[in-house]
Structures are given as C-alpha cells and as structure tokens.
Protein backbone atom coordinates (compact mmCIF):
# COMPACT_ATOMS: atom_id res chain seq x y z
CA MET A 1 17.75 -161.81 20.72
CA ARG A 2 17.46 -161.46 17.07
CA ASN A 3 17.10 -164.73 15.37
CA PRO A 4 17.04 -165.39 11.48
CA PRO A 5 13.43 -165.30 9.69
CA CYS A 6 11.46 -168.63 10.40
CA ARG A 7 12.09 -171.64 7.72
CA MET A 8 11.12 -174.91 8.12
CA LEU A 9 13.84 -177.80 9.61
CA LEU A 10 12.58 -180.99 9.44
CA LEU A 11 14.25 -184.07 11.35
CA SER A 12 15.18 -186.57 8.52
CA GLY A 13 18.00 -187.84 6.28
CA ALA A 14 18.26 -184.58 4.38
CA ALA A 15 18.31 -182.30 7.67
CA LEU A 16 20.08 -182.63 11.01
CA PHE A 17 22.43 -185.36 10.96
CA GLY A 18 20.39 -188.45 9.31
CA CYS A 19 18.00 -190.76 10.81
CA ALA A 20 20.43 -193.49 10.91
CA ALA A 21 22.19 -191.52 13.96
CA ALA A 22 18.82 -191.03 15.17
CA ALA A 23 18.09 -194.69 15.25
CA GLY A 24 21.36 -195.39 16.72
CA ALA A 25 21.84 -196.53 20.02
CA GLN A 26 22.75 -193.56 22.21
CA PRO A 27 24.65 -193.79 25.13
CA GLU A 28 22.27 -193.65 28.34
CA ARG A 29 24.32 -192.07 31.17
CA VAL A 30 27.20 -190.76 28.84
CA PRO A 31 27.15 -187.79 26.73
CA GLY A 32 29.05 -186.79 23.42
CA LEU A 33 31.61 -184.71 25.08
CA LEU A 34 33.52 -181.88 23.72
CA SER A 35 36.38 -182.94 21.86
CA PRO A 36 39.35 -181.85 23.16
CA PRO A 37 38.28 -182.50 26.12
CA GLY A 38 36.76 -179.18 28.11
CA LEU A 39 34.93 -177.98 30.37
CA VAL A 40 30.97 -179.19 30.62
CA LEU A 41 28.24 -177.87 32.91
CA ALA A 42 24.90 -178.02 33.12
CA GLU A 43 22.10 -175.89 34.12
CA TYR A 44 20.39 -176.89 37.69
CA HIS A 45 17.15 -175.75 39.28
CA THR A 46 16.39 -175.67 43.28
CA TRP A 47 12.80 -175.33 43.26
CA HIS A 48 12.15 -179.16 43.41
CA GLY A 49 9.83 -179.81 46.43
CA LEU A 50 8.28 -176.10 45.93
CA ALA A 51 4.50 -176.19 45.80
CA SER A 52 4.14 -174.05 42.80
CA HIS A 53 6.25 -176.71 40.90
CA SER A 54 4.25 -179.97 41.90
CA LYS A 55 1.91 -179.56 39.48
CA ALA A 56 3.62 -181.48 36.76
CA PHE A 57 4.09 -183.93 39.02
CA SER A 58 0.47 -184.56 40.12
CA ASP A 59 -2.51 -185.16 39.48
CA GLU A 60 -6.00 -184.27 41.51
CA CYS A 61 -6.37 -187.46 43.44
CA CYS A 62 -4.22 -189.11 46.31
CA PHE A 63 -0.84 -187.97 44.29
CA ALA A 64 -2.21 -184.54 44.51
CA ASN A 65 1.25 -181.90 45.58
CA ARG A 66 3.33 -184.56 45.03
CA ARG A 67 6.95 -183.60 44.41
CA ALA A 68 10.15 -186.01 42.84
CA TYR A 69 12.22 -184.66 45.63
CA ASP A 70 13.31 -182.13 47.52
CA SER A 71 16.26 -179.77 46.47
CA GLY A 72 17.37 -179.07 50.10
CA ASP A 73 17.99 -182.70 50.57
CA PRO A 74 21.59 -183.21 51.45
CA GLY A 75 21.35 -187.06 50.24
CA VAL A 76 19.46 -186.08 47.04
CA ILE A 77 22.24 -183.65 46.32
CA ARG A 78 25.07 -185.81 46.74
CA GLU A 79 23.48 -188.29 44.26
CA GLN A 80 23.02 -185.69 41.56
CA ILE A 81 26.53 -184.96 42.09
CA ARG A 82 27.31 -188.49 41.78
CA ARG A 83 25.79 -188.91 38.69
CA ALA A 84 26.60 -185.66 36.66
CA ARG A 85 30.33 -186.86 37.14
CA THR A 86 29.32 -190.22 35.44
CA MET A 87 27.86 -188.29 32.68
CA GLY A 88 31.22 -186.47 32.27
CA VAL A 89 29.62 -183.05 34.09
CA HIS A 90 32.20 -180.56 35.82
CA GLY A 91 29.55 -178.45 37.59
CA PHE A 92 26.18 -176.83 37.96
CA VAL A 93 25.46 -173.52 37.20
CA VAL A 94 22.14 -172.85 39.08
CA ASP A 95 19.37 -170.64 38.26
CA TRP A 96 18.98 -168.04 41.05
CA TYR A 97 16.36 -165.50 42.03
CA GLY A 98 18.73 -163.54 44.53
CA PRO A 99 18.08 -163.90 48.45
CA GLY A 100 14.38 -163.35 48.22
CA GLU A 101 11.89 -162.37 50.96
CA ALA A 102 11.93 -164.23 53.71
CA GLY A 103 9.28 -167.16 53.64
CA SER A 104 9.39 -166.44 49.90
CA GLU A 105 10.08 -169.23 47.51
CA ALA A 106 13.38 -167.41 45.95
CA ALA A 107 14.51 -167.86 49.70
CA ARG A 108 13.82 -171.53 50.12
CA MET A 109 15.86 -171.89 46.23
CA ASP A 110 18.46 -169.85 48.18
CA ARG A 111 18.70 -171.95 51.01
CA ASN A 112 18.60 -174.98 48.78
CA THR A 113 21.47 -173.25 46.77
CA GLY A 114 23.43 -172.91 49.96
CA VAL A 115 23.08 -176.69 50.45
CA LEU A 116 24.21 -177.74 47.38
CA PHE A 117 27.71 -175.23 47.66
CA GLN A 118 27.95 -177.20 51.02
CA GLU A 119 27.75 -180.51 49.38
CA ALA A 120 29.95 -179.41 45.76
CA ALA A 121 32.71 -178.30 48.12
CA ALA A 122 33.03 -181.70 50.12
CA ALA A 123 32.70 -183.32 46.74
CA GLY A 124 35.13 -181.09 45.03
CA PHE A 125 32.65 -180.42 42.56
CA LYS A 126 32.38 -177.08 41.02
CA VAL A 127 29.22 -174.62 41.07
CA ALA A 128 28.17 -171.35 39.71
CA LEU A 129 25.49 -168.99 39.66
CA LEU A 130 22.98 -167.99 37.01
CA TYR A 131 21.66 -164.70 38.00
CA ASP A 132 17.98 -164.79 36.73
CA GLN A 133 16.40 -161.66 35.59
CA GLY A 134 13.01 -162.80 36.64
CA ALA A 135 14.09 -161.87 40.22
CA LEU A 136 13.44 -158.02 38.99
CA THR A 137 9.95 -158.62 37.04
CA THR A 138 7.95 -156.88 40.28
CA THR A 139 10.95 -154.65 41.61
CA PRO A 140 10.06 -150.98 39.94
CA PRO A 141 11.86 -150.20 36.37
CA GLU A 142 13.82 -147.48 38.16
CA GLN A 143 14.97 -149.32 41.00
CA ARG A 144 16.04 -152.86 39.15
CA THR A 145 19.69 -151.43 38.76
CA ALA A 146 20.16 -151.15 42.87
CA ARG A 147 18.39 -154.28 43.27
CA ALA A 148 20.70 -156.12 41.12
CA ILE A 149 23.62 -154.75 43.06
CA ALA A 150 21.87 -155.63 46.48
CA ASP A 151 21.43 -159.33 45.27
CA LEU A 152 25.08 -159.45 43.45
CA ARG A 153 26.63 -158.05 46.82
CA TYR A 154 25.09 -161.11 49.04
CA ALA A 155 26.05 -163.22 46.25
CA GLU A 156 29.51 -161.86 46.80
CA SER A 157 29.57 -162.48 50.42
CA ARG A 158 27.39 -165.99 50.31
CA TYR A 159 28.88 -167.75 47.59
CA LEU A 160 31.48 -166.62 45.24
CA GLY A 161 34.36 -167.25 47.84
CA SER A 162 33.20 -171.11 48.13
CA PRO A 163 36.14 -173.32 47.45
CA ALA A 164 33.03 -175.04 45.59
CA TYR A 165 32.63 -171.69 43.43
CA LEU A 166 33.58 -171.78 39.37
CA GLN A 167 36.28 -169.97 38.63
CA LEU A 168 37.25 -168.66 34.91
CA ALA A 169 39.44 -166.31 33.75
CA ASN A 170 40.75 -166.46 37.02
CA ARG A 171 37.78 -164.98 38.80
CA PRO A 172 34.47 -165.80 40.31
CA ALA A 173 31.90 -166.72 36.93
CA VAL A 174 28.67 -165.09 37.08
CA PHE A 175 26.06 -166.04 34.66
CA VAL A 176 22.89 -163.89 33.78
CA PHE A 177 19.61 -165.13 32.39
CA GLN A 178 18.50 -162.11 30.64
CA TYR A 179 14.66 -161.05 30.01
CA GLU A 180 13.81 -158.26 27.59
CA ASN A 181 11.60 -156.75 29.49
CA VAL A 182 14.03 -156.51 32.48
CA ASP A 183 17.12 -155.73 31.16
CA GLY A 184 16.77 -152.65 29.46
CA ASP A 185 16.37 -150.95 32.93
CA LEU A 186 19.55 -152.52 33.92
CA ARG A 187 22.77 -150.22 33.92
CA TRP A 188 25.54 -152.71 33.59
CA ASN A 189 28.18 -150.22 33.79
CA GLU A 190 27.26 -149.06 37.39
CA ILE A 191 26.41 -153.24 38.53
CA ARG A 192 29.97 -154.21 37.33
CA ALA A 193 31.52 -151.19 39.08
CA ALA A 194 29.89 -152.34 42.80
CA LEU A 195 31.16 -155.46 42.61
CA ALA A 196 34.52 -157.25 42.90
CA PRO A 197 35.97 -158.14 39.90
CA VAL A 198 33.86 -161.23 38.34
CA THR A 199 33.76 -163.22 34.76
CA LEU A 200 30.11 -162.31 33.45
CA ILE A 201 28.44 -164.16 31.09
CA ASP A 202 25.46 -163.09 29.59
CA LYS A 203 22.76 -165.37 27.75
CA ASP A 204 23.12 -164.43 23.85
CA PRO A 205 25.17 -161.46 22.33
CA ASP A 206 23.11 -158.79 21.20
CA PRO A 207 25.11 -155.42 20.78
CA GLY A 208 21.93 -153.68 19.69
CA THR A 209 20.03 -153.78 23.23
CA SER A 210 21.23 -151.05 25.29
CA LEU A 211 20.52 -147.63 27.06
CA VAL A 212 24.12 -146.66 25.36
CA GLN A 213 23.27 -148.60 22.02
CA GLY A 214 26.29 -150.59 21.04
CA THR A 215 28.02 -150.78 24.22
CA ARG A 216 26.18 -153.60 26.63
CA ASP A 217 28.02 -156.70 25.39
CA ALA A 218 31.46 -154.95 25.75
CA LEU A 219 30.19 -154.95 29.43
CA PHE A 220 30.34 -158.53 29.34
CA ASP A 221 33.59 -161.23 29.37
CA GLY A 222 31.43 -163.75 27.49
CA PHE A 223 27.99 -165.44 26.19
CA PHE A 224 26.06 -168.41 26.76
CA GLY A 225 23.68 -169.81 24.12
CA TRP A 226 20.16 -171.61 25.43
CA VAL A 227 18.05 -174.18 24.54
CA GLN A 228 15.29 -173.14 21.98
CA ALA A 229 13.98 -174.38 18.87
CA GLY A 230 15.22 -171.10 16.86
CA ALA A 231 12.46 -168.29 15.10
CA CYS A 232 9.80 -171.02 15.00
CA TRP A 233 8.17 -173.91 17.25
CA ASP A 234 5.39 -176.26 16.19
CA SER A 235 3.57 -178.83 17.85
CA CYS A 236 5.61 -181.89 16.61
CA GLY A 237 8.74 -180.67 17.80
CA THR A 238 10.54 -180.97 14.56
CA HIS A 239 12.26 -177.67 14.81
CA TRP A 240 15.18 -178.26 16.88
CA GLY A 241 17.19 -175.14 17.06
CA GLN A 242 19.43 -175.24 14.29
CA ASP A 243 19.37 -171.39 12.73
CA TYR A 244 19.70 -170.71 15.96
CA LEU A 245 22.57 -172.23 16.56
CA GLU A 246 23.96 -170.70 13.49
CA TRP A 247 23.26 -167.18 14.45
CA PHE A 248 25.20 -168.22 17.88
CA TYR A 249 28.09 -169.27 16.43
CA ASP A 250 27.78 -166.71 13.56
CA ARG A 251 27.87 -163.62 16.10
CA MET A 252 30.37 -164.87 18.29
CA ALA A 253 32.74 -165.70 15.55
CA GLN A 254 32.72 -162.17 14.49
CA PRO A 255 35.70 -159.80 15.10
CA ALA A 256 33.99 -157.86 18.41
CA TYR A 257 33.50 -161.15 19.96
CA ALA A 258 36.82 -162.48 19.53
CA ALA A 259 38.22 -161.93 23.13
CA LYS A 260 34.87 -163.26 24.97
CA ILE A 261 34.26 -166.80 26.06
CA LEU A 262 32.10 -168.69 24.22
CA VAL A 263 29.81 -170.98 26.53
CA ALA A 264 28.52 -173.66 23.70
CA PRO A 265 24.69 -174.68 24.34
CA VAL A 266 23.65 -178.00 24.42
CA TRP A 267 20.35 -179.34 24.73
CA PRO A 268 18.31 -182.97 24.24
CA GLY A 269 14.94 -181.39 23.49
CA PHE A 270 12.28 -179.71 25.17
CA ASP A 271 8.49 -179.87 26.09
CA ASP A 272 6.53 -177.50 28.27
CA HIS A 273 3.20 -179.40 28.22
CA LEU A 274 2.80 -180.15 31.53
CA ALA A 275 4.44 -177.07 33.12
CA PRO A 276 2.23 -174.91 34.54
CA TRP A 277 3.38 -171.75 32.29
CA GLY A 278 3.88 -173.65 29.46
CA LYS A 279 2.93 -172.95 25.83
CA GLU A 280 3.05 -176.14 24.28
CA ARG A 281 6.41 -175.66 22.81
CA TYR A 282 7.97 -178.92 21.85
CA ILE A 283 11.38 -179.71 20.90
CA SER A 284 11.13 -183.61 19.77
CA ARG A 285 14.42 -185.52 21.15
CA ALA A 286 14.39 -187.92 17.92
CA GLY A 287 16.38 -190.90 19.51
CA GLY A 288 18.87 -188.69 20.76
CA ALA A 289 19.47 -187.01 17.72
CA VAL A 290 18.95 -183.48 18.73
CA TRP A 291 21.74 -184.04 21.75
CA THR A 292 24.07 -185.21 19.37
CA GLY A 293 23.51 -182.64 16.70
CA THR A 294 24.17 -180.05 19.37
CA TRP A 295 27.19 -181.66 20.67
CA ASN A 296 28.30 -181.35 17.21
CA GLN A 297 27.61 -178.20 16.48
CA ALA A 298 29.90 -177.39 19.67
CA ASN A 299 32.71 -179.58 18.65
CA THR A 300 32.70 -178.32 15.16
CA HIS A 301 33.12 -174.68 16.12
CA GLY A 302 35.76 -175.43 18.61
CA ALA A 303 34.32 -174.62 21.87
CA GLY A 304 36.32 -175.13 25.08
CA ILE A 305 33.33 -175.02 27.33
CA ALA A 306 29.60 -176.38 27.08
CA LEU A 307 26.41 -175.54 28.99
CA ILE A 308 23.65 -178.32 28.94
CA SER A 309 20.27 -176.97 29.46
CA THR A 310 19.28 -178.54 31.37
CA TRP A 311 19.85 -180.99 34.43
CA ASN A 312 16.39 -181.09 36.34
CA ASP A 313 14.02 -179.05 34.35
CA SER A 314 11.53 -181.90 33.82
CA GLU A 315 8.96 -179.73 33.81
CA GLU A 316 10.11 -178.41 30.51
CA GLY A 317 11.30 -181.79 29.62
CA SER A 318 15.19 -180.14 28.88
CA ASP A 319 16.29 -182.52 31.71
CA ILE A 320 18.90 -185.15 31.57
CA GLU A 321 19.46 -186.17 35.28
CA ASP A 322 17.66 -189.55 34.84
CA GLY A 323 19.40 -190.39 31.61
CA LEU A 324 19.35 -189.42 27.94
CA ASP A 325 16.30 -191.90 27.14
CA GLY A 326 14.02 -191.03 29.84
CA ARG A 327 11.81 -194.00 29.48
CA THR A 328 13.26 -196.92 31.74
CA VAL A 329 11.64 -196.73 35.16
CA ASP A 330 14.48 -198.65 37.53
CA MET A 331 12.81 -200.02 40.53
CA GLU A 332 15.90 -200.52 42.53
CA ASP A 333 17.22 -197.00 42.05
CA PRO A 334 16.39 -194.96 45.57
CA PHE A 335 16.65 -191.84 43.18
CA PRO A 336 12.95 -190.38 43.35
CA GLU A 337 11.36 -190.46 39.84
CA THR A 338 10.68 -187.38 38.13
CA LEU A 339 8.72 -187.45 34.87
CA ILE A 340 8.99 -189.98 32.41
CA ARG A 341 9.89 -188.73 28.77
CA SER A 342 7.53 -190.99 26.47
CA THR A 343 5.82 -194.29 26.35
CA PRO A 344 5.84 -197.01 26.48
CA VAL A 345 7.93 -197.15 29.77
CA LYS A 346 10.60 -200.29 30.44
CA VAL A 347 10.67 -201.27 34.01
CA VAL A 348 13.29 -202.88 35.60
CA TRP A 349 14.75 -204.53 38.22
CA ASN A 350 17.81 -207.10 39.48
CA PRO A 351 17.12 -210.00 37.22
CA ALA A 352 18.48 -212.08 39.63
CA ARG A 353 15.35 -211.66 41.81
CA GLY A 354 13.10 -213.62 38.71
CA PRO A 355 10.17 -212.78 37.56
CA ALA A 356 7.45 -210.70 39.49
CA ASP A 357 3.92 -209.41 39.38
CA VAL A 358 3.72 -206.35 37.81
CA GLN A 359 0.85 -203.89 38.83
CA VAL A 360 0.08 -200.47 38.02
CA TYR A 361 -2.45 -198.24 39.15
CA LYS A 362 -3.90 -194.90 38.23
CA HIS A 363 -6.36 -192.19 39.40
CA CYS A 364 -5.85 -193.65 42.97
CA ALA A 365 -7.65 -196.65 41.73
CA ARG A 366 -7.75 -199.36 44.61
CA ASP A 367 -7.40 -201.91 42.15
CA PRO A 368 -4.49 -202.03 39.25
CA ASP A 369 -5.47 -201.12 36.10
CA TYR A 370 -2.80 -203.66 34.89
CA ARG A 371 -1.37 -207.26 36.42
CA ARG A 372 0.49 -209.44 35.16
CA ILE A 373 3.99 -211.68 35.79
CA HIS A 374 6.80 -210.41 33.68
CA GLU A 375 10.52 -210.80 33.79
CA SER A 376 12.71 -207.53 34.13
CA GLY A 377 12.70 -205.46 31.27
CA VAL A 378 8.93 -205.37 30.33
CA SER A 379 7.93 -202.69 28.26
CA ILE A 380 4.45 -201.38 29.09
CA ASP A 381 2.33 -198.57 27.43
CA LEU A 382 0.65 -195.56 29.90
CA LEU A 383 -1.23 -192.96 29.36
CA PRO A 384 0.15 -189.85 28.79
CA GLY A 385 -0.52 -187.18 30.90
CA GLU A 386 -1.30 -189.07 34.25
CA VAL A 387 0.26 -189.98 37.28
CA HIS A 388 0.51 -194.28 37.75
CA GLU A 389 1.44 -195.75 40.87
CA ILE A 390 3.67 -198.87 39.95
CA LYS A 391 4.30 -201.88 42.04
CA VAL A 392 6.55 -204.48 41.61
CA TRP A 393 6.17 -207.39 43.98
CA VAL A 394 9.56 -209.04 44.36
CA SER A 395 9.63 -208.74 48.05
CA ASP A 396 7.12 -207.56 50.60
CA PRO A 397 6.51 -204.35 50.76
CA PRO A 398 6.93 -203.89 46.68
CA LEU A 399 9.08 -201.78 44.77
CA VAL A 400 6.97 -198.93 44.20
CA LYS A 401 7.62 -196.08 42.14
CA VAL A 402 5.28 -192.89 41.35
CA VAL A 403 5.56 -191.77 37.56
CA LYS A 404 3.99 -189.04 35.27
CA VAL A 405 4.37 -189.78 31.45
CA ARG A 406 4.79 -187.10 28.66
CA HIS A 407 3.15 -187.20 25.61
CA PRO A 408 5.11 -189.85 22.61
CA ASP A 409 8.34 -188.71 21.39
CA PRO A 410 8.19 -188.57 17.88
CA ARG A 411 11.25 -190.92 16.15
CA CYS A 412 12.90 -190.52 12.76
CA ALA A 413 11.41 -193.34 10.78
CA GLU A 414 14.06 -195.34 9.09
CA GLY A 415 14.47 -193.63 5.54
CA ALA A 416 12.20 -191.70 6.21
CA ALA A 417 12.20 -188.43 3.67
CA GLY A 418 9.97 -185.97 5.83
CA ALA A 419 9.34 -184.83 9.26
CA CYS A 420 10.15 -187.17 12.25
CA CYS A 421 6.16 -186.89 13.43
CA PRO A 422 3.15 -188.09 12.39
CA ARG A 423 1.26 -185.70 9.80
C-alpha cells in the first residue's frame, strides 16, 4: 500500500471534527450508520479461547491463561449476533486462515467459523470470509498459488453455499487480507480461474503491485480499507488515519475504479500494547471522535457498504462488541468481559438491588485491594495492564467479573488547540 508522506494530524478543534464533537455524548450501542442506509459489516475473529491469544487477558497468577470467551460456543455466537443487530450491523466478515492442518489453531478457528455459519443461518444473519494471507506465510513461495486455490476450493465446498453467506453483485463475496511479503507470489488470474464465480474484494487498491505490472487490481471486483493511523503512528495516538482515508477515497474515485465496489473503512481506535506481537501502535478513541469521523468520511464519499475494523479484536483495541465507550462493567451481563479500554471503570448492576459491598482484587490477593459500599454506577480507578477481579455482594454468591484495563485513553480538553494527549 502506498501512503502519502508523514504529516502531523492532531485531534483538536483545528483538525478532525472538533473537540466539541469528541466531548459530546456518543451512542454506546448504536453507531453512526451509513446515510442513506446501506450495508454495514464488521470484521470478526474466531480465535477467542485459543491459548496463544490468552496473554492479553491474563497475568502470571491465578488468572493465567484466562480467555474472555470461547469463539466456538454457540451461545456466545448467538449473543454476538443479537448485539450486532442492535448496533445496526448486518453481517460479519470472518478472518479466516483456511482449513489448517489437523490439530492446528487454524483448524480450530475453521471449526469455530463453521459454528458461526450455522448460528448465522438460523438467525438470518450474513457472514463472509476474509481470506487472510497469513495462512500462506509458512508455505514456500512457489507453492502459494496452489495452496490458496486449495483453501478457497475448500471454502467453496463448506461455506459459500450456506444460506448465511453474503452475496455482493449476486455472487458470494470473498474478502482478501493482503500481506506484502506474500501477495506478490500469488497468481490471481489462476486463482480466479480455478474458482466458481465470486465477488473478490481486496484490501486497498494498488495497481502497482503485480507480477504483471498494472494488471493486478483488474482481477478484483472491489476494495476495502483497514484501520490504520496513516503514514505515521505516535505514542499518544493523535494520528487517527485522515491521510490514509484521503488516499483511499481519492484512489477509489479514479476512473480505473469507477466500476469497482467500494467498502468504506470505519474504526473506533486502535491499541496493540497488550497484544503478544504488539508494536505499541495506538490510535486514541478521543471520546468517540475517531468513530464519528471515520463514519463521516464514509458518508461524505457516498459509500453504500462499510466495514467496521473490528467487531472483536480486543487484543488490538479496535473492538466494539462491548460497546463504543468500553469503560462500563455490567455485573449483571452474562456475556464474558474482554478488555476494558480505559480507566476509571464504571461498575453497574440492577439499581433495584440497592447499595452493595464492592470489592476489587488484583494479583490473586486473598484480601481485596479495595472495598466499600456503593450504589450502582460507581467509578473505580484500576491499574492499567493488570487483571482485576470485581465482586459485588448483592447476593450470595456475589456477582463477579474479571477484567483487564488498558492505559488511559487521552481525551480532547474542551477548547484545546493542540494534541489530545498530555505532552
């Protein structure tokens, strides 16, 4: 992908869309959808429950290897579909690594994908595959085209005929997440010829990357954008992606792409500090301003389809499944907590239960680090990067949640003229 040169973009009244918008009340469960109404999709991960993805939710003590939930649990999936619908999401685009080898994590994720399709079909919800080229990183370059064909033929036989499968242009839509060190080895003309007709949607238009210069993008039916800060990342998260979005929409407006499907990128923020592979990349959520701004860009450019990055990638802090704000712990909610995005957190329960003994434990201490009687809605500061167990004694046994908190999310100060984060 080609991006413009790095330039400073601050979340301030002079850039983005103003601190007043950032400080205003943002809907917790309902996003700013396409206007006029269009198709809203959300990228979805099936790795929750795998040991390799537990580090972000765990610590070295008694919460070690804790997983927020199991992506193969039908009950969890039904609840996610219900929540997605309440937020105006019409379908999931599943990050998929092929069938994988027997016993591998890719095979487990493929199994979970199958459960998702079953539940989606029963609920009348839509799902599409996002073929992740990470599946090919260990395949020798000369074998990658054949492997991709085998993976996608498997997808044809198992998924593309499902009543839940998303159709675009009257064909099953297959998204492709491109890796720069992999895609150059793929002969997409051969891959397409080996498949039944599909609508192939690639990440980012770029006619300059092809085995045959200038022809690659012609083999795809459309393009989607992806969460990123643009040409630059900074530790305060002030680069929110405006330069990247300008590049993406400008490219898609060019005559060569007039007949291509545009899938507008939307995101709430990003934070990979807790991911095992993290590079300390960060986009501040800025009190909902980044979410609102990316939707505004989609509507300004007349997008009919949007892809939210992401539904549940809580390791990289781009998730929306627990709401847009992410600082409320609902003790009554049976859905497992994932990662709370900032501190302080608001702890709520049914107010009709009255005041309760609120206890907070950390590092598996036998005694609470904090204990006091509170009404529902109390705000409590928790140490970032540590796992905490919260108990609310409104019954016996108490209501219990285990949470882990990211570092505080900088906010625009009212009337600020500079960066949103403290300098």
